[in-house]
Amino acid sequence: MKGISTIIATILLVVITIGLVGTAYLFVGGLLTGSISKVITIVDAKAHKVIVRNEGTETISSTDLRISVNGQEVEIINSQEIEAKDTATLRFIPYEPEIRSAKINVLGPSNTLSYTTDIKPRAPTARSGTAGLWHLDENAEDSSGNGNTGTLNNFDWTPISGWSSDCMVGSCLIFDRTDDFVQIADSDELDMNFEITIGAWVKVRGNFGNWRTISDKSDSDDSEYWFGYGNNNRPCLMLNWTNGDSRKYFYGDTVITDSEWHHIFGVYNGTDVRVYLDGQLDKSPPVAETREINHGDGTFQIGHTVVFGANRFNGTIDEIIILNKALTHEEILDMMYG
């Protein structure tokens, strides 16, 4: 009987199974064998994306995952299926521009992971379609390769007019709204057609309720495009059409009356305009029909406009870029944080 009992106990040990996340596990000789069907590991993480790997044996949908940054759940903006043993990049809206580090948690079907990463923005790099790129690192050189280097005008080189170290990346320029600005000569690259992307990091210092120019291309008689804050304190992209239509102003939804850093982008893709604020789509007003942006001989200004009675900027501008193509949401996030 003792021998029979031992045999029965051994058989029971072999056939005991445990269900975990839909997968059966088999105890053999006291060891748990088999593999978890759905398990996620983190390969890398940034301020706006996390690269994960499916280490299991079944496909995982990104809708089955939850991502939180510093305890705040964020929305995954590129849903996808992650095959077994594959990696995937899951993108989400950045947490806050002023935050410099983040603890990113990924809650999967069978495990939770944590990852701490620095999220300081990076300097954008020139890519296909870049017409001008000014890092404003103690000069107004154009890093696009097109030679659109600017001239610094009327800066007093004081704490409120000149170079600043209170920046998002490297150095930057602070404007006093009196008479300082950067001017870039007219060039073919800065003439837009049916698409445009323009953006910068900006930090306003008061002057709320007034027009404030981040950048503009115009002369004393006409304008091509203008980008900044409207007198309603909302981000705004103005486009002037070639067919004689009056200027059209496309505003974001968010009213900004603080003196914090914000990342603002305006995009026109030929059919609609998209205004982005801090990595999020703030508004997408439609355009009645495809329009071409007006071409002129005006100069490109930073912090100032010619045609609209100055409307100078009061505050700090960093990392300004313009492209003759419409970037996607994901491309803008990559430009912000890499």
C-alpha atoms as a PDB file:
ATOM      1  CA  MET A   1       0.000   0.000   0.000  1.00  0.00           C
ATOM      2  CA  LYS A   2       2.845   2.335   0.806  1.00  0.00           C
ATOM      3  CA  GLY A   3       4.272   1.866  -2.702  1.00  0.00           C
ATOM      4  CA  ILE A   4       0.875   2.440  -4.319  1.00  0.00           C
ATOM      5  CA  SER A   5       0.373   5.640  -2.305  1.00  0.00           C
ATOM      6  CA  THR A   6       3.749   6.940  -3.444  1.00  0.00           C
ATOM      7  CA  ILE A   7       2.894   6.250  -7.085  1.00  0.00           C
ATOM      8  CA  ILE A   8      -0.505   7.961  -6.767  1.00  0.00           C
ATOM      9  CA  ALA A   9       1.086  10.993  -5.079  1.00  0.00           C
ATOM     10  CA  THR A  10       3.678  11.221  -7.861  1.00  0.00           C
ATOM     11  CA  ILE A  11       0.982  11.045 -10.527  1.00  0.00           C
ATOM     12  CA  LEU A  12      -1.001  13.775  -8.774  1.00  0.00           C
ATOM     13  CA  LEU A  13       2.095  15.955  -8.602  1.00  0.00           C
ATOM     14  CA  VAL A  14       2.623  15.581 -12.319  1.00  0.00           C
ATOM     15  CA  VAL A  15      -0.929  16.407 -13.363  1.00  0.00           C
ATOM     16  CA  ILE A  16      -1.587  19.359 -11.034  1.00  0.00           C
ATOM     17  CA  THR A  17      -2.059  22.484 -13.212  1.00  0.00           C
ATOM     18  CA  ILE A  18      -2.526  26.140 -12.403  1.00  0.00           C
ATOM     19  CA  GLY A  19      -4.406  28.580 -14.701  1.00  0.00           C
ATOM     20  CA  LEU A  20      -2.677  31.939 -15.027  1.00  0.00           C
ATOM     21  CA  VAL A  21      -3.698  34.466 -17.679  1.00  0.00           C
ATOM     22  CA  GLY A  22      -5.236  31.709 -19.761  1.00  0.00           C
ATOM     23  CA  THR A  23      -2.136  29.475 -19.772  1.00  0.00           C
ATOM     24  CA  ALA A  24      -1.771  26.127 -17.997  1.00  0.00           C
ATOM     25  CA  TYR A  25       1.331  25.535 -15.891  1.00  0.00           C
ATOM     26  CA  LEU A  26       2.527  22.023 -15.059  1.00  0.00           C
ATOM     27  CA  PHE A  27       4.369  21.041 -11.914  1.00  0.00           C
ATOM     28  CA  VAL A  28       6.882  18.321 -12.729  1.00  0.00           C
ATOM     29  CA  GLY A  29       9.259  17.180 -10.047  1.00  0.00           C
ATOM     30  CA  GLY A  30       8.345  20.264  -7.995  1.00  0.00           C
ATOM     31  CA  LEU A  31       9.240  22.731 -10.808  1.00  0.00           C
ATOM     32  CA  LEU A  32       6.818  25.023 -12.633  1.00  0.00           C
ATOM     33  CA  THR A  33       7.157  24.523 -16.384  1.00  0.00           C
ATOM     34  CA  GLY A  34       5.561  26.167 -19.409  1.00  0.00           C
ATOM     35  CA  SER A  35       5.588  29.942 -20.138  1.00  0.00           C
ATOM     36  CA  ILE A  36       3.396  32.922 -19.357  1.00  0.00           C
ATOM     37  CA  SER A  37       1.296  33.676 -22.411  1.00  0.00           C
ATOM     38  CA  LYS A  38       1.137  37.451 -21.960  1.00  0.00           C
ATOM     39  CA  VAL A  39       4.011  39.280 -20.287  1.00  0.00           C
ATOM     40  CA  ILE A  40       5.514  42.678 -21.100  1.00  0.00           C
ATOM     41  CA  THR A  41       9.016  44.011 -20.523  1.00  0.00           C
ATOM     42  CA  ILE A  42      10.196  47.611 -21.009  1.00  0.00           C
ATOM     43  CA  VAL A  43      13.066  48.109 -23.436  1.00  0.00           C
ATOM     44  CA  ASP A  44      13.283  51.913 -23.223  1.00  0.00           C
ATOM     45  CA  ALA A  45      11.151  54.924 -22.327  1.00  0.00           C
ATOM     46  CA  LYS A  46      11.041  58.636 -23.138  1.00  0.00           C
ATOM     47  CA  ALA A  47       8.786  61.505 -22.158  1.00  0.00           C
ATOM     48  CA  HIS A  48       6.265  60.576 -24.830  1.00  0.00           C
ATOM     49  CA  LYS A  49       6.801  56.936 -25.652  1.00  0.00           C
ATOM     50  CA  VAL A  50       7.716  53.582 -24.175  1.00  0.00           C
ATOM     51  CA  ILE A  51       9.223  50.681 -26.100  1.00  0.00           C
ATOM     52  CA  VAL A  52       7.910  47.351 -24.851  1.00  0.00           C
ATOM     53  CA  ARG A  53       8.532  43.717 -25.738  1.00  0.00           C
ATOM     54  CA  ASN A  54       6.006  40.910 -25.611  1.00  0.00           C
ATOM     55  CA  GLU A  55       7.921  38.094 -23.934  1.00  0.00           C
ATOM     56  CA  GLY A  56       4.922  35.766 -23.931  1.00  0.00           C
ATOM     57  CA  THR A  57       3.438  33.371 -26.427  1.00  0.00           C
ATOM     58  CA  GLU A  58       0.255  35.223 -27.370  1.00  0.00           C
ATOM     59  CA  THR A  59      -0.479  38.515 -29.104  1.00  0.00           C
ATOM     60  CA  ILE A  60      -1.119  41.442 -26.764  1.00  0.00           C
ATOM     61  CA  SER A  61      -3.253  44.401 -27.759  1.00  0.00           C
ATOM     62  CA  SER A  62      -2.099  47.825 -26.602  1.00  0.00           C
ATOM     63  CA  THR A  63      -5.685  48.357 -25.417  1.00  0.00           C
ATOM     64  CA  ASP A  64      -4.912  45.765 -22.725  1.00  0.00           C
ATOM     65  CA  LEU A  65      -2.107  47.932 -21.349  1.00  0.00           C
ATOM     66  CA  ARG A  66      -2.226  50.947 -19.056  1.00  0.00           C
ATOM     67  CA  ILE A  67       0.549  53.543 -18.888  1.00  0.00           C
ATOM     68  CA  SER A  68       0.967  56.081 -16.101  1.00  0.00           C
ATOM     69  CA  VAL A  69       3.550  58.849 -15.755  1.00  0.00           C
ATOM     70  CA  ASN A  70       4.311  60.004 -12.216  1.00  0.00           C
ATOM     71  CA  GLY A  71       1.094  58.338 -11.105  1.00  0.00           C
ATOM     72  CA  GLN A  72      -1.105  59.951 -13.749  1.00  0.00           C
ATOM     73  CA  GLU A  73      -2.579  57.656 -16.383  1.00  0.00           C
ATOM     74  CA  VAL A  74      -1.887  58.752 -19.962  1.00  0.00           C
ATOM     75  CA  GLU A  75      -3.599  57.819 -23.199  1.00  0.00           C
ATOM     76  CA  ILE A  76      -1.872  55.569 -25.717  1.00  0.00           C
ATOM     77  CA  ILE A  77      -2.332  57.343 -29.049  1.00  0.00           C
ATOM     78  CA  ASN A  78      -1.183  54.601 -31.440  1.00  0.00           C
ATOM     79  CA  SER A  79      -3.133  51.429 -30.697  1.00  0.00           C
ATOM     80  CA  GLN A  80      -1.584  48.266 -32.118  1.00  0.00           C
ATOM     81  CA  GLU A  81      -1.221  44.533 -31.740  1.00  0.00           C
ATOM     82  CA  ILE A  82       2.066  43.247 -30.311  1.00  0.00           C
ATOM     83  CA  GLU A  83       2.962  39.788 -31.567  1.00  0.00           C
ATOM     84  CA  ALA A  84       4.776  37.285 -29.360  1.00  0.00           C
ATOM     85  CA  LYS A  85       8.493  38.118 -29.023  1.00  0.00           C
ATOM     86  CA  ASP A  86       8.019  41.404 -30.886  1.00  0.00           C
ATOM     87  CA  THR A  87       8.727  44.959 -29.703  1.00  0.00           C
ATOM     88  CA  ALA A  88       6.441  47.931 -30.163  1.00  0.00           C
ATOM     89  CA  THR A  89       6.644  51.668 -29.543  1.00  0.00           C
ATOM     90  CA  LEU A  90       3.643  52.974 -27.623  1.00  0.00           C
ATOM     91  CA  ARG A  91       3.232  56.733 -27.821  1.00  0.00           C
ATOM     92  CA  PHE A  92       1.392  58.948 -25.384  1.00  0.00           C
ATOM     93  CA  ILE A  93       0.959  62.636 -24.609  1.00  0.00           C
ATOM     94  CA  PRO A  94       3.883  63.995 -22.539  1.00  0.00           C
ATOM     95  CA  TYR A  95       3.200  64.667 -18.886  1.00  0.00           C
ATOM     96  CA  GLU A  96       4.187  68.322 -18.325  1.00  0.00           C
ATOM     97  CA  PRO A  97       6.828  70.412 -20.138  1.00  0.00           C
ATOM     98  CA  GLU A  98       8.405  71.590 -16.878  1.00  0.00           C
ATOM     99  CA  ILE A  99       8.913  68.063 -15.469  1.00  0.00           C
ATOM    100  CA  ARG A 100      12.470  66.813 -15.875  1.00  0.00           C
ATOM    101  CA  SER A 101      12.127  63.162 -14.824  1.00  0.00           C
ATOM    102  CA  ALA A 102       9.314  60.664 -14.744  1.00  0.00           C
ATOM    103  CA  LYS A 103       8.458  57.286 -13.329  1.00  0.00           C
ATOM    104  CA  ILE A 104       6.651  55.418 -16.071  1.00  0.00           C
ATOM    105  CA  ASN A 105       4.525  52.428 -15.083  1.00  0.00           C
ATOM    106  CA  VAL A 106       3.219  49.904 -17.576  1.00  0.00           C
ATOM    107  CA  LEU A 107       0.393  47.696 -16.319  1.00  0.00           C
ATOM    108  CA  GLY A 108       0.142  44.599 -18.493  1.00  0.00           C
ATOM    109  CA  PRO A 109      -2.201  41.629 -18.514  1.00  0.00           C
ATOM    110  CA  SER A 110      -0.031  39.743 -16.029  1.00  0.00           C
ATOM    111  CA  ASN A 111       2.628  42.087 -14.679  1.00  0.00           C
ATOM    112  CA  THR A 112       3.391  45.702 -13.794  1.00  0.00           C
ATOM    113  CA  LEU A 113       6.696  47.382 -14.641  1.00  0.00           C
ATOM    114  CA  SER A 114       8.306  50.655 -13.599  1.00  0.00           C
ATOM    115  CA  TYR A 115      10.893  52.692 -15.456  1.00  0.00           C
ATOM    116  CA  THR A 116      12.449  56.004 -14.429  1.00  0.00           C
ATOM    117  CA  THR A 117      13.706  58.261 -17.207  1.00  0.00           C
ATOM    118  CA  ASP A 118      14.875  61.813 -17.802  1.00  0.00           C
ATOM    119  CA  ILE A 119      12.400  63.699 -19.972  1.00  0.00           C
ATOM    120  CA  LYS A 120      14.205  66.919 -20.704  1.00  0.00           C
ATOM    121  CA  PRO A 121      13.339  68.049 -24.241  1.00  0.00           C
ATOM    122  CA  ARG A 122      15.993  67.715 -26.893  1.00  0.00           C
ATOM    123  CA  ALA A 123      17.075  70.099 -29.604  1.00  0.00           C
ATOM    124  CA  PRO A 124      15.237  69.341 -32.854  1.00  0.00           C
ATOM    125  CA  THR A 125      17.293  68.270 -35.838  1.00  0.00           C
ATOM    126  CA  ALA A 126      16.795  69.122 -39.479  1.00  0.00           C
ATOM    127  CA  ARG A 127      14.818  66.606 -41.485  1.00  0.00           C
ATOM    128  CA  SER A 128      13.305  66.436 -44.943  1.00  0.00           C
ATOM    129  CA  GLY A 129      11.418  69.637 -45.651  1.00  0.00           C
ATOM    130  CA  THR A 130      13.128  71.796 -43.015  1.00  0.00           C
ATOM    131  CA  ALA A 131      13.299  75.370 -44.287  1.00  0.00           C
ATOM    132  CA  GLY A 132      14.840  76.938 -41.195  1.00  0.00           C
ATOM    133  CA  LEU A 133      15.953  75.833 -37.730  1.00  0.00           C
ATOM    134  CA  TRP A 134      17.230  78.252 -35.123  1.00  0.00           C
ATOM    135  CA  HIS A 135      18.425  76.824 -31.794  1.00  0.00           C
ATOM    136  CA  LEU A 136      19.200  80.369 -30.603  1.00  0.00           C
ATOM    137  CA  ASP A 137      22.220  79.095 -28.670  1.00  0.00           C
ATOM    138  CA  GLU A 138      23.912  82.498 -28.377  1.00  0.00           C
ATOM    139  CA  ASN A 139      23.618  83.023 -32.133  1.00  0.00           C
ATOM    140  CA  ALA A 140      20.964  83.126 -34.833  1.00  0.00           C
ATOM    141  CA  GLU A 141      22.561  80.542 -37.096  1.00  0.00           C
ATOM    142  CA  ASP A 142      20.306  78.402 -39.235  1.00  0.00           C
ATOM    143  CA  SER A 143      20.870  74.686 -38.548  1.00  0.00           C
ATOM    144  CA  SER A 144      18.703  73.516 -41.465  1.00  0.00           C
ATOM    145  CA  GLY A 145      21.575  73.669 -43.942  1.00  0.00           C
ATOM    146  CA  ASN A 146      19.795  76.327 -46.027  1.00  0.00           C
ATOM    147  CA  GLY A 147      21.881  79.270 -44.845  1.00  0.00           C
ATOM    148  CA  ASN A 148      18.950  81.265 -43.430  1.00  0.00           C
ATOM    149  CA  THR A 149      21.022  82.771 -40.635  1.00  0.00           C
ATOM    150  CA  GLY A 150      19.430  85.700 -38.849  1.00  0.00           C
ATOM    151  CA  THR A 151      20.589  89.115 -37.680  1.00  0.00           C
ATOM    152  CA  LEU A 152      20.102  90.163 -34.062  1.00  0.00           C
ATOM    153  CA  ASN A 153      18.554  93.624 -33.760  1.00  0.00           C
ATOM    154  CA  ASN A 154      18.366  96.042 -30.806  1.00  0.00           C
ATOM    155  CA  PHE A 155      19.046  93.607 -27.976  1.00  0.00           C
ATOM    156  CA  ASP A 156      20.255  95.330 -24.821  1.00  0.00           C
ATOM    157  CA  TRP A 157      22.005  92.241 -23.423  1.00  0.00           C
ATOM    158  CA  THR A 158      20.234  92.598 -20.100  1.00  0.00           C
ATOM    159  CA  PRO A 159      18.293  89.972 -18.111  1.00  0.00           C
ATOM    160  CA  ILE A 160      15.173  90.873 -20.127  1.00  0.00           C
ATOM    161  CA  SER A 161      16.735  91.409 -23.575  1.00  0.00           C
ATOM    162  CA  GLY A 162      19.346  89.012 -24.897  1.00  0.00           C
ATOM    163  CA  TRP A 163      20.681  85.560 -24.173  1.00  0.00           C
ATOM    164  CA  SER A 164      19.169  83.546 -21.363  1.00  0.00           C
ATOM    165  CA  SER A 165      20.058  80.295 -19.614  1.00  0.00           C
ATOM    166  CA  ASP A 166      16.488  79.745 -18.386  1.00  0.00           C
ATOM    167  CA  CYS A 167      15.700  77.659 -21.455  1.00  0.00           C
ATOM    168  CA  MET A 168      14.298  74.315 -22.517  1.00  0.00           C
ATOM    169  CA  VAL A 169      17.430  73.296 -24.452  1.00  0.00           C
ATOM    170  CA  GLY A 170      20.818  75.007 -24.207  1.00  0.00           C
ATOM    171  CA  SER A 171      20.584  78.792 -24.479  1.00  0.00           C
ATOM    172  CA  CYS A 172      17.711  80.890 -25.819  1.00  0.00           C
ATOM    173  CA  LEU A 173      16.635  84.460 -26.522  1.00  0.00           C
ATOM    174  CA  ILE A 174      14.586  86.686 -24.250  1.00  0.00           C
ATOM    175  CA  PHE A 175      12.684  89.634 -25.768  1.00  0.00           C
ATOM    176  CA  ASP A 176      11.592  92.797 -23.960  1.00  0.00           C
ATOM    177  CA  ARG A 177       8.829  93.791 -26.434  1.00  0.00           C
ATOM    178  CA  THR A 178      10.400  97.183 -26.966  1.00  0.00           C
ATOM    179  CA  ASP A 179      12.406  96.890 -30.179  1.00  0.00           C
ATOM    180  CA  ASP A 180      14.458  93.677 -30.136  1.00  0.00           C
ATOM    181  CA  PHE A 181      13.964  90.978 -32.789  1.00  0.00           C
ATOM    182  CA  VAL A 182      15.727  88.562 -35.136  1.00  0.00           C
ATOM    183  CA  GLN A 183      15.483  89.109 -38.888  1.00  0.00           C
ATOM    184  CA  ILE A 184      16.185  86.575 -41.633  1.00  0.00           C
ATOM    185  CA  ALA A 185      16.382  87.615 -45.271  1.00  0.00           C
ATOM    186  CA  ASP A 186      13.797  86.407 -47.776  1.00  0.00           C
ATOM    187  CA  SER A 187      14.618  83.078 -49.401  1.00  0.00           C
ATOM    188  CA  ASP A 188      12.900  80.511 -51.574  1.00  0.00           C
ATOM    189  CA  GLU A 189      13.044  77.955 -48.754  1.00  0.00           C
ATOM    190  CA  LEU A 190      10.954  80.197 -46.503  1.00  0.00           C
ATOM    191  CA  ASP A 191       8.181  80.549 -49.093  1.00  0.00           C
ATOM    192  CA  MET A 192       5.509  77.984 -48.294  1.00  0.00           C
ATOM    193  CA  ASN A 193       3.065  76.420 -50.764  1.00  0.00           C
ATOM    194  CA  PHE A 194       0.314  74.010 -49.743  1.00  0.00           C
ATOM    195  CA  GLU A 195       1.860  72.829 -46.472  1.00  0.00           C
ATOM    196  CA  ILE A 196       3.619  74.334 -43.477  1.00  0.00           C
ATOM    197  CA  THR A 197       4.771  73.293 -40.015  1.00  0.00           C
ATOM    198  CA  ILE A 198       6.069  75.928 -37.628  1.00  0.00           C
ATOM    199  CA  GLY A 199       6.756  75.692 -33.916  1.00  0.00           C
ATOM    200  CA  ALA A 200       8.868  76.679 -30.929  1.00  0.00           C
ATOM    201  CA  TRP A 201       9.223  76.526 -27.172  1.00  0.00           C
ATOM    202  CA  VAL A 202       7.949  79.811 -25.733  1.00  0.00           C
ATOM    203  CA  LYS A 203       7.589  81.412 -22.329  1.00  0.00           C
ATOM    204  CA  VAL A 204       5.508  84.584 -22.149  1.00  0.00           C
ATOM    205  CA  ARG A 205       6.291  87.329 -19.644  1.00  0.00           C
ATOM    206  CA  GLY A 206       3.043  89.249 -19.199  1.00  0.00           C
ATOM    207  CA  ASN A 207       1.439  91.373 -21.933  1.00  0.00           C
ATOM    208  CA  PHE A 208      -1.611  89.136 -21.892  1.00  0.00           C
ATOM    209  CA  GLY A 209      -4.526  90.180 -24.058  1.00  0.00           C
ATOM    210  CA  ASN A 210      -2.282  91.501 -26.822  1.00  0.00           C
ATOM    211  CA  TRP A 211      -0.973  90.031 -30.055  1.00  0.00           C
ATOM    212  CA  ARG A 212       2.475  88.514 -29.509  1.00  0.00           C
ATOM    213  CA  THR A 213       4.553  87.389 -32.474  1.00  0.00           C
ATOM    214  CA  ILE A 214       6.663  84.260 -32.248  1.00  0.00           C
ATOM    215  CA  SER A 215       7.525  84.371 -35.957  1.00  0.00           C
ATOM    216  CA  ASP A 216       6.263  85.990 -39.114  1.00  0.00           C
ATOM    217  CA  LYS A 217       7.055  86.408 -42.801  1.00  0.00           C
ATOM    218  CA  SER A 218       5.854  89.706 -44.167  1.00  0.00           C
ATOM    219  CA  ASP A 219       6.795  93.086 -45.546  1.00  0.00           C
ATOM    220  CA  SER A 220       5.198  96.485 -45.074  1.00  0.00           C
ATOM    221  CA  ASP A 221       2.509  95.771 -47.674  1.00  0.00           C
ATOM    222  CA  ASP A 222       1.669  92.125 -47.387  1.00  0.00           C
ATOM    223  CA  SER A 223       1.967  89.021 -45.252  1.00  0.00           C
ATOM    224  CA  GLU A 224       2.503  85.346 -45.961  1.00  0.00           C
ATOM    225  CA  TYR A 225       2.114  83.660 -42.587  1.00  0.00           C
ATOM    226  CA  TRP A 226       2.186  84.629 -38.941  1.00  0.00           C
ATOM    227  CA  PHE A 227       2.546  82.515 -35.790  1.00  0.00           C
ATOM    228  CA  GLY A 228       2.113  83.502 -32.154  1.00  0.00           C
ATOM    229  CA  TYR A 229      -0.489  84.366 -29.508  1.00  0.00           C
ATOM    230  CA  GLY A 230      -3.704  86.122 -30.482  1.00  0.00           C
ATOM    231  CA  ASN A 231      -5.238  88.922 -28.438  1.00  0.00           C
ATOM    232  CA  ASN A 232      -7.518  86.247 -26.954  1.00  0.00           C
ATOM    233  CA  ASN A 233      -4.404  84.624 -25.384  1.00  0.00           C
ATOM    234  CA  ARG A 234      -4.708  81.548 -27.604  1.00  0.00           C
ATOM    235  CA  PRO A 235      -2.019  80.070 -29.888  1.00  0.00           C
ATOM    236  CA  CYS A 236      -2.656  81.153 -33.453  1.00  0.00           C
ATOM    237  CA  LEU A 237      -1.468  80.399 -36.985  1.00  0.00           C
ATOM    238  CA  MET A 238      -2.388  82.988 -39.619  1.00  0.00           C
ATOM    239  CA  LEU A 239      -2.186  82.102 -43.306  1.00  0.00           C
ATOM    240  CA  ASN A 240      -2.593  84.482 -46.228  1.00  0.00           C
ATOM    241  CA  TRP A 241      -3.832  82.815 -49.419  1.00  0.00           C
ATOM    242  CA  THR A 242      -2.633  83.398 -52.978  1.00  0.00           C
ATOM    243  CA  ASN A 243      -6.139  83.656 -54.458  1.00  0.00           C
ATOM    244  CA  GLY A 244      -6.925  87.027 -52.902  1.00  0.00           C
ATOM    245  CA  ASP A 245      -8.794  85.725 -49.875  1.00  0.00           C
ATOM    246  CA  SER A 246      -8.260  87.757 -46.754  1.00  0.00           C
ATOM    247  CA  ARG A 247      -5.982  86.484 -44.046  1.00  0.00           C
ATOM    248  CA  LYS A 248      -7.347  83.532 -42.107  1.00  0.00           C
ATOM    249  CA  TYR A 249      -6.640  83.111 -38.404  1.00  0.00           C
ATOM    250  CA  PHE A 250      -6.665  79.609 -36.924  1.00  0.00           C
ATOM    251  CA  TYR A 251      -6.720  79.533 -33.135  1.00  0.00           C
ATOM    252  CA  GLY A 252      -6.167  76.837 -30.579  1.00  0.00           C
ATOM    253  CA  ASP A 253      -8.770  76.278 -27.866  1.00  0.00           C
ATOM    254  CA  THR A 254      -6.606  76.785 -24.799  1.00  0.00           C
ATOM    255  CA  VAL A 255      -6.278  80.209 -23.189  1.00  0.00           C
ATOM    256  CA  ILE A 256      -2.733  80.691 -21.863  1.00  0.00           C
ATOM    257  CA  THR A 257      -2.247  83.307 -19.178  1.00  0.00           C
ATOM    258  CA  ASP A 258       0.716  81.877 -17.312  1.00  0.00           C
ATOM    259  CA  SER A 259       4.438  82.449 -17.579  1.00  0.00           C
ATOM    260  CA  GLU A 260       5.445  78.806 -17.979  1.00  0.00           C
ATOM    261  CA  TRP A 261       7.187  77.115 -20.886  1.00  0.00           C
ATOM    262  CA  HIS A 262       4.872  75.826 -23.610  1.00  0.00           C
ATOM    263  CA  HIS A 263       5.550  73.938 -26.803  1.00  0.00           C
ATOM    264  CA  ILE A 264       3.411  75.387 -29.607  1.00  0.00           C
ATOM    265  CA  PHE A 265       3.106  74.097 -33.159  1.00  0.00           C
ATOM    266  CA  GLY A 266       0.958  75.132 -36.115  1.00  0.00           C
ATOM    267  CA  VAL A 267       0.455  72.773 -39.059  1.00  0.00           C
ATOM    268  CA  TYR A 268      -1.354  73.169 -42.383  1.00  0.00           C
ATOM    269  CA  ASN A 269      -1.619  70.097 -44.620  1.00  0.00           C
ATOM    270  CA  GLY A 270      -3.607  71.527 -47.510  1.00  0.00           C
ATOM    271  CA  THR A 271      -7.028  70.660 -46.110  1.00  0.00           C
ATOM    272  CA  ASP A 272      -6.996  71.616 -42.451  1.00  0.00           C
ATOM    273  CA  VAL A 273      -4.969  73.392 -39.807  1.00  0.00           C
ATOM    274  CA  ARG A 274      -3.818  71.740 -36.595  1.00  0.00           C
ATOM    275  CA  VAL A 275      -2.706  73.695 -33.536  1.00  0.00           C
ATOM    276  CA  TYR A 276      -0.683  71.691 -31.006  1.00  0.00           C
ATOM    277  CA  LEU A 277       0.008  72.730 -27.430  1.00  0.00           C
ATOM    278  CA  ASP A 278       2.485  70.847 -25.230  1.00  0.00           C
ATOM    279  CA  GLY A 279       2.307  67.768 -27.416  1.00  0.00           C
ATOM    280  CA  GLN A 280      -1.480  67.628 -27.572  1.00  0.00           C
ATOM    281  CA  LEU A 281      -3.764  68.517 -30.444  1.00  0.00           C
ATOM    282  CA  ASP A 282      -5.434  71.673 -29.183  1.00  0.00           C
ATOM    283  CA  LYS A 283      -7.711  72.305 -32.151  1.00  0.00           C
ATOM    284  CA  SER A 284      -8.080  71.295 -35.808  1.00  0.00           C
ATOM    285  CA  PRO A 285     -10.152  73.914 -37.633  1.00  0.00           C
ATOM    286  CA  PRO A 286     -11.027  72.902 -41.217  1.00  0.00           C
ATOM    287  CA  VAL A 287     -10.178  74.907 -44.312  1.00  0.00           C
ATOM    288  CA  ALA A 288     -13.031  75.398 -46.793  1.00  0.00           C
ATOM    289  CA  GLU A 289     -10.950  74.082 -49.684  1.00  0.00           C
ATOM    290  CA  THR A 290      -7.329  73.561 -50.592  1.00  0.00           C
ATOM    291  CA  ARG A 291      -5.499  76.876 -50.619  1.00  0.00           C
ATOM    292  CA  GLU A 292      -1.948  77.875 -51.486  1.00  0.00           C
ATOM    293  CA  ILE A 293      -0.066  80.122 -49.084  1.00  0.00           C
ATOM    294  CA  ASN A 294       0.849  83.532 -50.459  1.00  0.00           C
ATOM    295  CA  HIS A 295       4.417  84.135 -51.687  1.00  0.00           C
ATOM    296  CA  GLY A 296       6.072  87.482 -51.119  1.00  0.00           C
ATOM    297  CA  ASP A 297       9.386  89.233 -50.695  1.00  0.00           C
ATOM    298  CA  GLY A 298       9.056  89.785 -46.981  1.00  0.00           C
ATOM    299  CA  THR A 299      11.672  88.912 -44.414  1.00  0.00           C
ATOM    300  CA  PHE A 300      11.223  86.268 -41.748  1.00  0.00           C
ATOM    301  CA  GLN A 301      11.138  87.671 -38.216  1.00  0.00           C
ATOM    302  CA  ILE A 302      11.405  86.092 -34.788  1.00  0.00           C
ATOM    303  CA  GLY A 303       9.743  88.036 -31.983  1.00  0.00           C
ATOM    304  CA  HIS A 304       8.414  90.760 -34.295  1.00  0.00           C
ATOM    305  CA  THR A 305       6.217  91.380 -37.347  1.00  0.00           C
ATOM    306  CA  VAL A 306       6.379  94.089 -39.997  1.00  0.00           C
ATOM    307  CA  VAL A 307       2.842  94.232 -41.338  1.00  0.00           C
ATOM    308  CA  PHE A 308       0.894  94.086 -38.070  1.00  0.00           C
ATOM    309  CA  GLY A 309       2.309  97.082 -36.240  1.00  0.00           C
ATOM    310  CA  ALA A 310       5.154  95.268 -34.476  1.00  0.00           C
ATOM    311  CA  ASN A 311       3.106  93.098 -32.039  1.00  0.00           C
ATOM    312  CA  ARG A 312       6.399  92.162 -30.451  1.00  0.00           C
ATOM    313  CA  PHE A 313       7.030  89.202 -28.204  1.00  0.00           C
ATOM    314  CA  ASN A 314       7.483  89.695 -24.470  1.00  0.00           C
ATOM    315  CA  GLY A 315       9.292  86.673 -23.065  1.00  0.00           C
ATOM    316  CA  THR A 316      11.584  83.851 -24.157  1.00  0.00           C
ATOM    317  CA  ILE A 317      11.783  81.831 -27.385  1.00  0.00           C
ATOM    318  CA  ASP A 318      13.767  78.636 -27.886  1.00  0.00           C
ATOM    319  CA  GLU A 319      14.240  76.063 -30.669  1.00  0.00           C
ATOM    320  CA  ILE A 320      12.171  77.557 -33.482  1.00  0.00           C
ATOM    321  CA  ILE A 321      11.685  75.497 -36.632  1.00  0.00           C
ATOM    322  CA  ILE A 322       9.747  75.813 -39.889  1.00  0.00           C
ATOM    323  CA  LEU A 323       9.161  73.141 -42.529  1.00  0.00           C
ATOM    324  CA  ASN A 324       7.512  73.181 -45.938  1.00  0.00           C
ATOM    325  CA  LYS A 325       5.640  69.991 -45.128  1.00  0.00           C
ATOM    326  CA  ALA A 326       2.954  69.007 -42.641  1.00  0.00           C
ATOM    327  CA  LEU A 327       4.295  66.916 -39.762  1.00  0.00           C
ATOM    328  CA  THR A 328       2.158  64.295 -38.082  1.00  0.00           C
ATOM    329  CA  HIS A 329       1.387  64.257 -34.371  1.00  0.00           C
ATOM    330  CA  GLU A 330       3.947  61.494 -33.795  1.00  0.00           C
ATOM    331  CA  GLU A 331       6.627  63.388 -35.716  1.00  0.00           C
ATOM    332  CA  ILE A 332       6.052  66.463 -33.568  1.00  0.00           C
ATOM    333  CA  LEU A 333       6.404  64.406 -30.379  1.00  0.00           C
ATOM    334  CA  ASP A 334       9.612  62.865 -31.689  1.00  0.00           C
ATOM    335  CA  MET A 335      10.909  66.330 -32.478  1.00  0.00           C
ATOM    336  CA  MET A 336      10.182  67.452 -28.905  1.00  0.00           C
ATOM    337  CA  TYR A 337      11.725  64.541 -27.036  1.00  0.00           C
ATOM    338  CA  GLY A 338      13.443  62.175 -29.449  1.00  0.00           C
END
